[in-house]
Amino acid sequence: MGGGDKCLRLLGGRAILAHVIGRVRPQVSALVLNANGDAKRFATFGLPVVPDDIGGQPGPLAGILAGLDWAAARQPQSDYVLSVSTDCPFLPLDLVSRLRAATKADTEIVVAASNGRRHPVIGLWRVSLRQALRQALALEHLRKVEAFCDRHRTTVANFPGAVNFPGAAVDPFFNANTPDDLAVAERLWARPDRT
């Protein structure tokens, strides 16, 4: 995208992040944004912003850990934390309920899947994984989300490929990584059958 925060790019006249928040907020009790650098760039969204506390920008696992730590301190009644990518503007409106439905008694992580592909950054993470995740990041330098999931009791929740756009083969976990992706997202956002 030429630098900067992808989630702040405009889609339908609003930041992609605004669309993500709009789709996720009704499904959860609280929202927090993981971002490094100056948190003021997200001030208009009215969310707490927590940075990674593992140095070296180790990637999405550090963001998930930040969310787990935040929940443990501020939402102690929560068993799980939902993680989503902030560049996925078409997240399912029933994301949490479908992830929860896939949860078994011993499940530690539930990841979303669509079109035969797992999306490990989009899922439910048991808050009790905090110490194992911190150790994997800080001591073992683990960086791959899939590798951490493979170590723990992970369940997959399958979503139809066109869950948000009837009659269109649109992945609900489509993310806008490039200007071409953003152009596709603009066309999809303008569809009259979008929900």
N, C-alpha and C. Protein backbone atom coordinates (compact mmCIF):
# COMPACT_ATOMS: atom_id res chain seq x y z
N MET A 1 0.83 -1.21 0.00
CA MET A 1 0.00 0.00 0.00
C MET A 1 0.86 1.25 0.00
N GLY A 2 2.15 1.10 -0.06
CA GLY A 2 3.02 2.27 -0.11
C GLY A 2 3.34 2.87 1.24
N GLY A 3 3.19 2.09 2.30
CA GLY A 3 3.51 2.57 3.64
C GLY A 3 2.29 3.04 4.40
N GLY A 4 2.47 3.26 5.66
CA GLY A 4 1.36 3.70 6.52
C GLY A 4 0.49 2.54 6.98
N ASP A 5 -0.57 2.88 7.67
CA ASP A 5 -1.47 1.87 8.21
C ASP A 5 -2.53 1.51 7.17
N LYS A 6 -2.54 0.24 6.74
CA LYS A 6 -3.55 -0.20 5.76
C LYS A 6 -4.95 0.06 6.27
N CYS A 7 -5.16 -0.13 7.56
CA CYS A 7 -6.50 -0.01 8.11
C CYS A 7 -7.05 1.41 8.06
N LEU A 8 -6.19 2.39 7.81
CA LEU A 8 -6.64 3.78 7.72
C LEU A 8 -6.95 4.20 6.28
N ARG A 9 -6.72 3.32 5.33
CA ARG A 9 -7.10 3.60 3.94
C ARG A 9 -8.62 3.67 3.84
N LEU A 10 -9.11 4.48 2.94
CA LEU A 10 -10.55 4.68 2.82
C LEU A 10 -11.21 3.62 1.96
N LEU A 11 -12.37 3.21 2.40
CA LEU A 11 -13.23 2.27 1.68
C LEU A 11 -14.65 2.79 1.83
N GLY A 12 -15.28 3.14 0.73
CA GLY A 12 -16.62 3.70 0.81
C GLY A 12 -16.67 4.98 1.61
N GLY A 13 -15.57 5.75 1.58
CA GLY A 13 -15.53 7.03 2.27
C GLY A 13 -15.17 6.95 3.75
N ARG A 14 -14.93 5.75 4.27
CA ARG A 14 -14.56 5.58 5.69
C ARG A 14 -13.32 4.70 5.77
N ALA A 15 -12.56 4.85 6.83
CA ALA A 15 -11.38 4.00 7.03
C ALA A 15 -11.80 2.53 7.11
N ILE A 16 -10.96 1.66 6.56
CA ILE A 16 -11.23 0.22 6.65
C ILE A 16 -11.46 -0.17 8.10
N LEU A 17 -10.67 0.40 9.00
CA LEU A 17 -10.82 0.09 10.42
C LEU A 17 -12.23 0.42 10.92
N ALA A 18 -12.83 1.49 10.44
CA ALA A 18 -14.19 1.83 10.85
C ALA A 18 -15.17 0.73 10.45
N HIS A 19 -14.97 0.15 9.29
CA HIS A 19 -15.83 -0.95 8.84
C HIS A 19 -15.63 -2.19 9.72
N VAL A 20 -14.38 -2.47 10.05
CA VAL A 20 -14.08 -3.61 10.92
C VAL A 20 -14.75 -3.41 12.28
N ILE A 21 -14.58 -2.24 12.85
CA ILE A 21 -15.19 -1.93 14.15
C ILE A 21 -16.71 -2.08 14.07
N GLY A 22 -17.31 -1.56 13.02
CA GLY A 22 -18.75 -1.63 12.87
C GLY A 22 -19.27 -3.06 12.80
N ARG A 23 -18.49 -3.96 12.22
CA ARG A 23 -18.92 -5.34 12.09
C ARG A 23 -18.66 -6.14 13.37
N VAL A 24 -17.60 -5.79 14.09
CA VAL A 24 -17.21 -6.58 15.27
C VAL A 24 -17.85 -6.07 16.56
N ARG A 25 -18.00 -4.77 16.71
CA ARG A 25 -18.48 -4.19 17.98
C ARG A 25 -19.74 -4.85 18.53
N PRO A 26 -20.77 -5.12 17.70
CA PRO A 26 -21.98 -5.74 18.26
C PRO A 26 -21.78 -7.18 18.76
N GLN A 27 -20.64 -7.76 18.43
CA GLN A 27 -20.41 -9.17 18.75
C GLN A 27 -19.57 -9.39 20.02
N VAL A 28 -19.01 -8.32 20.57
CA VAL A 28 -18.09 -8.45 21.70
C VAL A 28 -18.46 -7.47 22.82
N SER A 29 -17.92 -7.70 24.00
CA SER A 29 -18.22 -6.82 25.13
C SER A 29 -17.31 -5.60 25.19
N ALA A 30 -16.13 -5.69 24.58
CA ALA A 30 -15.18 -4.58 24.58
C ALA A 30 -14.25 -4.73 23.39
N LEU A 31 -13.73 -3.61 22.94
CA LEU A 31 -12.77 -3.60 21.83
C LEU A 31 -11.49 -2.91 22.27
N VAL A 32 -10.38 -3.42 21.80
CA VAL A 32 -9.08 -2.79 22.01
C VAL A 32 -8.29 -2.95 20.72
N LEU A 33 -7.48 -1.96 20.41
CA LEU A 33 -6.69 -1.97 19.19
C LEU A 33 -5.23 -2.16 19.55
N ASN A 34 -4.58 -3.10 18.90
CA ASN A 34 -3.14 -3.29 19.08
C ASN A 34 -2.42 -2.54 17.97
N ALA A 35 -1.57 -1.59 18.35
CA ALA A 35 -0.78 -0.84 17.37
C ALA A 35 0.46 -0.29 18.06
N ASN A 36 1.53 -0.25 17.31
CA ASN A 36 2.77 0.32 17.80
C ASN A 36 2.92 1.73 17.23
N GLY A 37 3.76 2.53 17.84
CA GLY A 37 3.95 3.90 17.37
C GLY A 37 2.96 4.84 18.05
N ASP A 38 2.77 5.98 17.43
CA ASP A 38 1.92 7.02 18.00
C ASP A 38 0.45 6.61 17.98
N ALA A 39 -0.12 6.41 19.15
CA ALA A 39 -1.51 5.97 19.26
C ALA A 39 -2.49 7.05 18.84
N LYS A 40 -2.05 8.30 18.78
CA LYS A 40 -2.95 9.41 18.44
C LYS A 40 -3.56 9.26 17.04
N ARG A 41 -2.90 8.52 16.17
CA ARG A 41 -3.44 8.37 14.81
C ARG A 41 -4.74 7.58 14.79
N PHE A 42 -5.05 6.93 15.91
CA PHE A 42 -6.30 6.17 16.03
C PHE A 42 -7.30 6.83 16.98
N ALA A 43 -7.03 8.05 17.41
CA ALA A 43 -7.86 8.71 18.42
C ALA A 43 -9.32 8.84 18.01
N THR A 44 -9.60 9.04 16.74
CA THR A 44 -10.99 9.25 16.30
C THR A 44 -11.86 8.00 16.47
N PHE A 45 -11.24 6.85 16.68
CA PHE A 45 -12.02 5.62 16.83
C PHE A 45 -12.46 5.37 18.26
N GLY A 46 -11.91 6.11 19.21
CA GLY A 46 -12.34 6.00 20.60
C GLY A 46 -12.05 4.67 21.26
N LEU A 47 -11.00 3.99 20.82
CA LEU A 47 -10.64 2.69 21.40
C LEU A 47 -9.35 2.80 22.19
N PRO A 48 -9.22 1.98 23.24
CA PRO A 48 -7.90 1.88 23.86
C PRO A 48 -6.92 1.30 22.85
N VAL A 49 -5.71 1.82 22.83
CA VAL A 49 -4.67 1.33 21.93
C VAL A 49 -3.54 0.79 22.79
N VAL A 50 -3.22 -0.50 22.60
CA VAL A 50 -2.14 -1.11 23.36
C VAL A 50 -1.05 -1.57 22.41
N PRO A 51 0.20 -1.22 22.72
CA PRO A 51 1.31 -1.66 21.88
C PRO A 51 1.78 -3.06 22.28
N ASP A 52 2.62 -3.63 21.44
CA ASP A 52 3.28 -4.89 21.80
C ASP A 52 4.16 -4.62 23.01
N ASP A 53 4.29 -5.60 23.88
CA ASP A 53 5.27 -5.44 24.96
C ASP A 53 6.45 -6.39 24.77
N ILE A 54 6.51 -7.03 23.61
CA ILE A 54 7.67 -7.83 23.20
C ILE A 54 8.39 -7.00 22.14
N GLY A 55 9.67 -6.74 22.35
CA GLY A 55 10.41 -5.87 21.44
C GLY A 55 10.65 -6.48 20.07
N GLY A 56 11.02 -5.63 19.11
CA GLY A 56 11.40 -6.09 17.79
C GLY A 56 10.26 -6.31 16.82
N GLN A 57 9.06 -5.84 17.15
CA GLN A 57 7.88 -6.00 16.30
C GLN A 57 7.75 -7.43 15.77
N PRO A 58 7.48 -8.37 16.67
CA PRO A 58 7.44 -9.78 16.28
C PRO A 58 6.21 -10.22 15.52
N GLY A 59 5.29 -9.31 15.21
CA GLY A 59 4.17 -9.67 14.36
C GLY A 59 2.87 -9.94 15.09
N PRO A 60 1.93 -10.59 14.41
CA PRO A 60 0.58 -10.77 14.94
C PRO A 60 0.49 -11.48 16.29
N LEU A 61 1.38 -12.41 16.55
CA LEU A 61 1.31 -13.10 17.85
C LEU A 61 1.51 -12.13 19.01
N ALA A 62 2.36 -11.13 18.83
CA ALA A 62 2.57 -10.13 19.88
C ALA A 62 1.31 -9.30 20.07
N GLY A 63 0.61 -9.02 18.98
CA GLY A 63 -0.66 -8.30 19.09
C GLY A 63 -1.71 -9.11 19.83
N ILE A 64 -1.74 -10.40 19.55
CA ILE A 64 -2.69 -11.27 20.25
C ILE A 64 -2.35 -11.31 21.73
N LEU A 65 -1.06 -11.40 22.05
CA LEU A 65 -0.65 -11.37 23.46
C LEU A 65 -1.06 -10.06 24.13
N ALA A 66 -0.89 -8.95 23.44
CA ALA A 66 -1.30 -7.66 24.00
C ALA A 66 -2.80 -7.65 24.31
N GLY A 67 -3.58 -8.23 23.41
CA GLY A 67 -5.02 -8.32 23.64
C GLY A 67 -5.37 -9.23 24.81
N LEU A 68 -4.67 -10.34 24.93
CA LEU A 68 -4.91 -11.26 26.05
C LEU A 68 -4.56 -10.60 27.38
N ASP A 69 -3.43 -9.89 27.40
CA ASP A 69 -3.02 -9.20 28.62
C ASP A 69 -4.03 -8.11 28.99
N TRP A 70 -4.49 -7.36 27.99
CA TRP A 70 -5.47 -6.31 28.24
C TRP A 70 -6.74 -6.91 28.82
N ALA A 71 -7.21 -8.00 28.23
CA ALA A 71 -8.44 -8.64 28.71
C ALA A 71 -8.27 -9.17 30.13
N ALA A 72 -7.13 -9.77 30.42
CA ALA A 72 -6.90 -10.32 31.75
C ALA A 72 -6.95 -9.22 32.81
N ALA A 73 -6.46 -8.03 32.46
CA ALA A 73 -6.44 -6.92 33.41
C ALA A 73 -7.77 -6.19 33.49
N ARG A 74 -8.50 -6.08 32.38
CA ARG A 74 -9.69 -5.22 32.34
C ARG A 74 -11.01 -5.94 32.11
N GLN A 75 -10.95 -7.18 31.69
CA GLN A 75 -12.15 -8.00 31.45
C GLN A 75 -11.94 -9.38 32.07
N PRO A 76 -11.67 -9.44 33.38
CA PRO A 76 -11.29 -10.72 33.99
C PRO A 76 -12.34 -11.82 33.88
N GLN A 77 -13.58 -11.45 33.57
CA GLN A 77 -14.63 -12.46 33.41
C GLN A 77 -14.55 -13.16 32.04
N SER A 78 -13.74 -12.65 31.14
CA SER A 78 -13.65 -13.20 29.79
C SER A 78 -12.77 -14.43 29.75
N ASP A 79 -13.29 -15.50 29.13
CA ASP A 79 -12.50 -16.72 28.92
C ASP A 79 -11.68 -16.62 27.64
N TYR A 80 -12.29 -15.98 26.62
CA TYR A 80 -11.66 -15.90 25.31
C TYR A 80 -11.57 -14.45 24.85
N VAL A 81 -10.60 -14.21 23.96
CA VAL A 81 -10.46 -12.93 23.28
C VAL A 81 -10.57 -13.21 21.79
N LEU A 82 -11.33 -12.37 21.10
CA LEU A 82 -11.42 -12.44 19.66
C LEU A 82 -10.29 -11.61 19.07
N SER A 83 -9.61 -12.16 18.09
CA SER A 83 -8.63 -11.37 17.33
C SER A 83 -9.09 -11.33 15.88
N VAL A 84 -8.94 -10.16 15.27
CA VAL A 84 -9.26 -9.99 13.85
C VAL A 84 -8.20 -9.10 13.21
N SER A 85 -8.08 -9.22 11.92
CA SER A 85 -7.20 -8.34 11.15
C SER A 85 -7.95 -7.03 10.91
N THR A 86 -7.23 -5.94 10.98
CA THR A 86 -7.88 -4.63 10.80
C THR A 86 -7.97 -4.22 9.34
N ASP A 87 -7.60 -5.13 8.44
CA ASP A 87 -7.75 -4.83 7.01
C ASP A 87 -8.75 -5.77 6.34
N CYS A 88 -9.66 -6.33 7.13
CA CYS A 88 -10.70 -7.26 6.64
C CYS A 88 -12.07 -6.60 6.81
N PRO A 89 -12.51 -5.82 5.82
CA PRO A 89 -13.74 -5.04 5.99
C PRO A 89 -15.05 -5.82 5.85
N PHE A 90 -14.99 -7.10 5.47
CA PHE A 90 -16.21 -7.87 5.23
C PHE A 90 -16.37 -9.00 6.23
N LEU A 91 -15.85 -8.84 7.42
CA LEU A 91 -15.95 -9.89 8.44
C LEU A 91 -17.41 -10.30 8.65
N PRO A 92 -17.65 -11.58 8.90
CA PRO A 92 -19.03 -12.04 9.11
C PRO A 92 -19.68 -11.38 10.31
N LEU A 93 -20.94 -11.06 10.16
CA LEU A 93 -21.70 -10.47 11.26
C LEU A 93 -22.01 -11.49 12.35
N ASP A 94 -21.80 -12.77 12.04
CA ASP A 94 -21.98 -13.83 13.04
C ASP A 94 -20.65 -14.52 13.37
N LEU A 95 -19.56 -13.79 13.22
CA LEU A 95 -18.22 -14.34 13.43
C LEU A 95 -18.08 -14.99 14.80
N VAL A 96 -18.39 -14.24 15.85
CA VAL A 96 -18.18 -14.75 17.21
C VAL A 96 -19.08 -15.94 17.50
N SER A 97 -20.34 -15.86 17.12
CA SER A 97 -21.24 -16.97 17.43
C SER A 97 -20.82 -18.24 16.71
N ARG A 98 -20.33 -18.12 15.49
CA ARG A 98 -19.87 -19.31 14.76
C ARG A 98 -18.56 -19.85 15.33
N LEU A 99 -17.67 -18.97 15.74
CA LEU A 99 -16.44 -19.43 16.39
C LEU A 99 -16.77 -20.13 17.71
N ARG A 100 -17.66 -19.53 18.48
CA ARG A 100 -18.07 -20.14 19.75
C ARG A 100 -18.71 -21.51 19.54
N ALA A 101 -19.53 -21.63 18.49
CA ALA A 101 -20.21 -22.90 18.20
C ALA A 101 -19.21 -24.00 17.89
N ALA A 102 -18.04 -23.65 17.38
CA ALA A 102 -17.01 -24.64 17.07
C ALA A 102 -16.15 -25.01 18.28
N THR A 103 -16.33 -24.29 19.38
CA THR A 103 -15.53 -24.52 20.58
C THR A 103 -15.94 -25.82 21.26
N LYS A 104 -14.95 -26.60 21.64
CA LYS A 104 -15.17 -27.82 22.41
C LYS A 104 -14.69 -27.56 23.84
N ALA A 105 -14.96 -28.48 24.72
CA ALA A 105 -14.63 -28.29 26.14
C ALA A 105 -13.15 -27.99 26.36
N ASP A 106 -12.27 -28.59 25.58
CA ASP A 106 -10.83 -28.41 25.80
C ASP A 106 -10.19 -27.45 24.80
N THR A 107 -10.99 -26.76 24.00
CA THR A 107 -10.45 -25.87 22.97
C THR A 107 -9.73 -24.69 23.60
N GLU A 108 -8.52 -24.43 23.10
CA GLU A 108 -7.76 -23.26 23.53
C GLU A 108 -7.81 -22.14 22.48
N ILE A 109 -7.89 -22.55 21.23
CA ILE A 109 -7.92 -21.59 20.12
C ILE A 109 -8.94 -22.08 19.11
N VAL A 110 -9.75 -21.15 18.59
CA VAL A 110 -10.64 -21.46 17.47
C VAL A 110 -10.27 -20.50 16.36
N VAL A 111 -9.88 -21.04 15.19
CA VAL A 111 -9.52 -20.18 14.07
C VAL A 111 -10.56 -20.29 12.98
N ALA A 112 -10.73 -19.21 12.25
CA ALA A 112 -11.67 -19.17 11.13
C ALA A 112 -11.02 -19.80 9.91
N ALA A 113 -11.87 -20.38 9.05
CA ALA A 113 -11.42 -20.93 7.78
C ALA A 113 -12.49 -20.66 6.73
N SER A 114 -12.03 -20.49 5.51
CA SER A 114 -12.97 -20.31 4.39
C SER A 114 -12.27 -20.77 3.12
N ASN A 115 -13.05 -21.30 2.21
CA ASN A 115 -12.51 -21.73 0.92
C ASN A 115 -11.28 -22.63 1.08
N GLY A 116 -11.31 -23.51 2.10
CA GLY A 116 -10.21 -24.45 2.31
C GLY A 116 -8.95 -23.84 2.90
N ARG A 117 -9.02 -22.63 3.41
CA ARG A 117 -7.84 -21.95 3.95
C ARG A 117 -8.10 -21.46 5.36
N ARG A 118 -7.16 -21.74 6.26
CA ARG A 118 -7.26 -21.25 7.63
C ARG A 118 -6.79 -19.80 7.70
N HIS A 119 -7.45 -19.04 8.59
CA HIS A 119 -7.09 -17.64 8.83
C HIS A 119 -6.76 -17.53 10.32
N PRO A 120 -5.56 -17.93 10.72
CA PRO A 120 -5.26 -18.06 12.15
C PRO A 120 -5.27 -16.76 12.95
N VAL A 121 -5.14 -15.61 12.30
CA VAL A 121 -5.19 -14.35 13.03
C VAL A 121 -6.62 -14.02 13.42
N ILE A 122 -7.58 -14.62 12.73
CA ILE A 122 -8.99 -14.38 13.02
C ILE A 122 -9.51 -15.55 13.83
N GLY A 123 -9.70 -15.33 15.12
CA GLY A 123 -10.13 -16.43 15.96
C GLY A 123 -10.35 -16.04 17.40
N LEU A 124 -10.70 -17.05 18.17
CA LEU A 124 -10.86 -16.91 19.62
C LEU A 124 -9.65 -17.54 20.29
N TRP A 125 -9.12 -16.84 21.28
CA TRP A 125 -7.92 -17.27 22.00
C TRP A 125 -8.25 -17.32 23.48
N ARG A 126 -8.03 -18.46 24.10
CA ARG A 126 -8.28 -18.58 25.54
C ARG A 126 -7.29 -17.68 26.29
N VAL A 127 -7.81 -16.89 27.19
CA VAL A 127 -6.98 -15.92 27.93
C VAL A 127 -5.87 -16.63 28.70
N SER A 128 -6.12 -17.85 29.13
CA SER A 128 -5.13 -18.61 29.89
C SER A 128 -3.88 -18.97 29.07
N LEU A 129 -3.87 -18.70 27.78
CA LEU A 129 -2.69 -18.97 26.95
C LEU A 129 -1.61 -17.91 27.09
N ARG A 130 -1.87 -16.87 27.86
CA ARG A 130 -0.95 -15.74 27.93
C ARG A 130 0.50 -16.14 28.22
N GLN A 131 0.72 -16.93 29.24
CA GLN A 131 2.10 -17.26 29.61
C GLN A 131 2.79 -18.12 28.56
N ALA A 132 2.07 -19.08 28.00
CA ALA A 132 2.65 -19.92 26.94
C ALA A 132 3.00 -19.07 25.73
N LEU A 133 2.14 -18.12 25.39
CA LEU A 133 2.40 -17.26 24.24
C LEU A 133 3.58 -16.33 24.52
N ARG A 134 3.64 -15.77 25.71
CA ARG A 134 4.76 -14.89 26.07
C ARG A 134 6.08 -15.66 25.99
N GLN A 135 6.09 -16.88 26.49
CA GLN A 135 7.31 -17.69 26.44
C GLN A 135 7.69 -18.00 25.00
N ALA A 136 6.71 -18.38 24.18
CA ALA A 136 6.99 -18.70 22.78
C ALA A 136 7.59 -17.50 22.04
N LEU A 137 7.07 -16.31 22.33
CA LEU A 137 7.55 -15.09 21.68
C LEU A 137 8.91 -14.65 22.22
N ALA A 138 9.02 -14.55 23.54
CA ALA A 138 10.21 -13.94 24.15
C ALA A 138 11.39 -14.89 24.23
N LEU A 139 11.14 -16.15 24.54
CA LEU A 139 12.25 -17.09 24.75
C LEU A 139 12.55 -17.94 23.52
N GLU A 140 11.51 -18.31 22.79
CA GLU A 140 11.71 -19.18 21.63
C GLU A 140 11.72 -18.41 20.31
N HIS A 141 11.36 -17.14 20.36
CA HIS A 141 11.31 -16.27 19.18
C HIS A 141 10.38 -16.83 18.09
N LEU A 142 9.32 -17.48 18.52
CA LEU A 142 8.32 -17.99 17.59
C LEU A 142 7.58 -16.82 16.98
N ARG A 143 7.37 -16.84 15.67
CA ARG A 143 6.71 -15.74 14.98
C ARG A 143 5.49 -16.18 14.18
N LYS A 144 5.38 -17.43 13.85
CA LYS A 144 4.29 -17.91 13.00
C LYS A 144 3.06 -18.27 13.83
N VAL A 145 1.95 -17.63 13.51
CA VAL A 145 0.70 -17.87 14.23
C VAL A 145 0.30 -19.34 14.10
N GLU A 146 0.40 -19.89 12.90
CA GLU A 146 0.04 -21.30 12.67
C GLU A 146 0.87 -22.23 13.56
N ALA A 147 2.15 -21.93 13.72
CA ALA A 147 3.02 -22.79 14.53
C ALA A 147 2.56 -22.79 15.99
N PHE A 148 2.15 -21.63 16.49
CA PHE A 148 1.64 -21.59 17.87
C PHE A 148 0.33 -22.36 17.96
N CYS A 149 -0.55 -22.17 17.00
CA CYS A 149 -1.83 -22.89 16.99
C CYS A 149 -1.61 -24.40 16.98
N ASP A 150 -0.62 -24.85 16.22
CA ASP A 150 -0.34 -26.29 16.12
C ASP A 150 0.12 -26.89 17.45
N ARG A 151 0.61 -26.06 18.36
CA ARG A 151 1.06 -26.54 19.66
C ARG A 151 -0.08 -26.69 20.67
N HIS A 152 -1.22 -26.11 20.35
CA HIS A 152 -2.32 -26.05 21.31
C HIS A 152 -3.59 -26.65 20.72
N ARG A 153 -4.54 -26.91 21.60
CA ARG A 153 -5.81 -27.52 21.16
C ARG A 153 -6.59 -26.50 20.35
N THR A 154 -6.46 -26.63 19.04
CA THR A 154 -7.06 -25.66 18.12
C THR A 154 -8.18 -26.32 17.33
N THR A 155 -9.28 -25.63 17.26
CA THR A 155 -10.44 -26.05 16.48
C THR A 155 -10.60 -25.08 15.32
N VAL A 156 -11.11 -25.57 14.22
CA VAL A 156 -11.33 -24.74 13.04
C VAL A 156 -12.83 -24.55 12.85
N ALA A 157 -13.24 -23.31 12.63
CA ALA A 157 -14.63 -22.98 12.31
C ALA A 157 -14.68 -22.61 10.83
N ASN A 158 -15.40 -23.41 10.05
CA ASN A 158 -15.50 -23.17 8.61
C ASN A 158 -16.64 -22.21 8.30
N PHE A 159 -16.33 -21.24 7.46
CA PHE A 159 -17.31 -20.25 7.01
C PHE A 159 -17.50 -20.40 5.51
N PRO A 160 -18.73 -20.24 5.03
CA PRO A 160 -18.93 -20.26 3.58
C PRO A 160 -18.17 -19.13 2.92
N GLY A 161 -17.70 -19.37 1.70
CA GLY A 161 -16.89 -18.39 0.99
C GLY A 161 -17.62 -17.12 0.63
N ALA A 162 -18.94 -17.14 0.58
CA ALA A 162 -19.69 -15.95 0.19
C ALA A 162 -20.69 -15.55 1.26
N VAL A 163 -20.29 -15.71 2.51
CA VAL A 163 -21.22 -15.49 3.61
C VAL A 163 -21.82 -14.09 3.63
N ASN A 164 -21.09 -13.08 3.19
CA ASN A 164 -21.60 -11.70 3.27
C ASN A 164 -22.20 -11.19 1.97
N PHE A 165 -21.99 -11.90 0.89
CA PHE A 165 -22.42 -11.42 -0.41
C PHE A 165 -23.12 -12.53 -1.17
N PRO A 166 -24.41 -12.69 -0.97
CA PRO A 166 -25.14 -13.75 -1.67
C PRO A 166 -24.93 -13.66 -3.18
N GLY A 167 -24.65 -14.80 -3.77
CA GLY A 167 -24.46 -14.84 -5.21
C GLY A 167 -23.09 -14.41 -5.68
N ALA A 168 -22.21 -14.04 -4.76
CA ALA A 168 -20.86 -13.62 -5.14
C ALA A 168 -19.84 -14.49 -4.43
N ALA A 169 -18.81 -14.86 -5.13
CA ALA A 169 -17.76 -15.70 -4.53
C ALA A 169 -16.75 -14.80 -3.83
N VAL A 170 -17.15 -14.23 -2.73
CA VAL A 170 -16.31 -13.31 -1.97
C VAL A 170 -15.97 -13.95 -0.63
N ASP A 171 -14.69 -14.03 -0.37
CA ASP A 171 -14.25 -14.60 0.90
C ASP A 171 -14.56 -13.60 2.02
N PRO A 172 -15.23 -14.05 3.09
CA PRO A 172 -15.55 -13.11 4.18
C PRO A 172 -14.30 -12.59 4.90
N PHE A 173 -13.15 -13.23 4.66
CA PHE A 173 -11.92 -12.81 5.30
C PHE A 173 -10.96 -12.14 4.31
N PHE A 174 -11.54 -11.66 3.22
CA PHE A 174 -10.80 -10.88 2.23
C PHE A 174 -10.10 -9.74 2.95
N ASN A 175 -8.81 -9.55 2.65
CA ASN A 175 -8.13 -8.41 3.24
C ASN A 175 -7.49 -7.55 2.16
N ALA A 176 -7.44 -6.28 2.43
CA ALA A 176 -6.94 -5.30 1.48
C ALA A 176 -5.45 -5.08 1.72
N ASN A 177 -4.63 -5.84 1.01
CA ASN A 177 -3.19 -5.74 1.17
C ASN A 177 -2.51 -4.85 0.13
N THR A 178 -3.17 -4.66 -1.01
CA THR A 178 -2.56 -3.91 -2.11
C THR A 178 -3.58 -2.89 -2.65
N PRO A 179 -3.12 -1.93 -3.45
CA PRO A 179 -4.07 -1.02 -4.08
C PRO A 179 -5.10 -1.77 -4.94
N ASP A 180 -4.69 -2.85 -5.60
CA ASP A 180 -5.64 -3.64 -6.39
C ASP A 180 -6.70 -4.27 -5.49
N ASP A 181 -6.28 -4.79 -4.33
CA ASP A 181 -7.24 -5.36 -3.38
C ASP A 181 -8.23 -4.29 -2.92
N LEU A 182 -7.72 -3.10 -2.68
CA LEU A 182 -8.59 -2.02 -2.23
C LEU A 182 -9.61 -1.64 -3.32
N ALA A 183 -9.18 -1.68 -4.57
CA ALA A 183 -10.11 -1.41 -5.68
C ALA A 183 -11.19 -2.49 -5.75
N VAL A 184 -10.82 -3.74 -5.54
CA VAL A 184 -11.81 -4.83 -5.49
C VAL A 184 -12.77 -4.60 -4.33
N ALA A 185 -12.23 -4.24 -3.19
CA ALA A 185 -13.08 -3.99 -2.01
C ALA A 185 -14.06 -2.86 -2.28
N GLU A 186 -13.63 -1.83 -2.97
CA GLU A 186 -14.53 -0.72 -3.32
C GLU A 186 -15.70 -1.21 -4.18
N ARG A 187 -15.39 -2.05 -5.16
CA ARG A 187 -16.46 -2.59 -6.01
C ARG A 187 -17.41 -3.45 -5.19
N LEU A 188 -16.88 -4.27 -4.30
CA LEU A 188 -17.72 -5.12 -3.47
C LEU A 188 -18.56 -4.29 -2.50
N TRP A 189 -17.95 -3.26 -1.94
CA TRP A 189 -18.66 -2.44 -0.98
C TRP A 189 -19.86 -1.74 -1.62
N ALA A 190 -19.73 -1.45 -2.90
CA ALA A 190 -20.81 -0.75 -3.61
C ALA A 190 -21.95 -1.66 -4.04
N ARG A 191 -21.80 -2.97 -3.87
CA ARG A 191 -22.85 -3.91 -4.29
C ARG A 191 -24.14 -3.68 -3.51
N PRO A 192 -25.29 -3.70 -4.17
CA PRO A 192 -26.55 -3.49 -3.46
C PRO A 192 -26.94 -4.66 -2.56
N ASP A 193 -26.38 -5.87 -2.79
CA ASP A 193 -26.76 -7.03 -1.97
C ASP A 193 -25.81 -7.25 -0.80
N ARG A 194 -24.92 -6.28 -0.55
CA ARG A 194 -23.99 -6.39 0.57
C ARG A 194 -24.76 -6.33 1.89
N THR A 195 -24.36 -7.19 2.83
CA THR A 195 -24.96 -7.14 4.18
C THR A 195 -23.89 -6.86 5.21
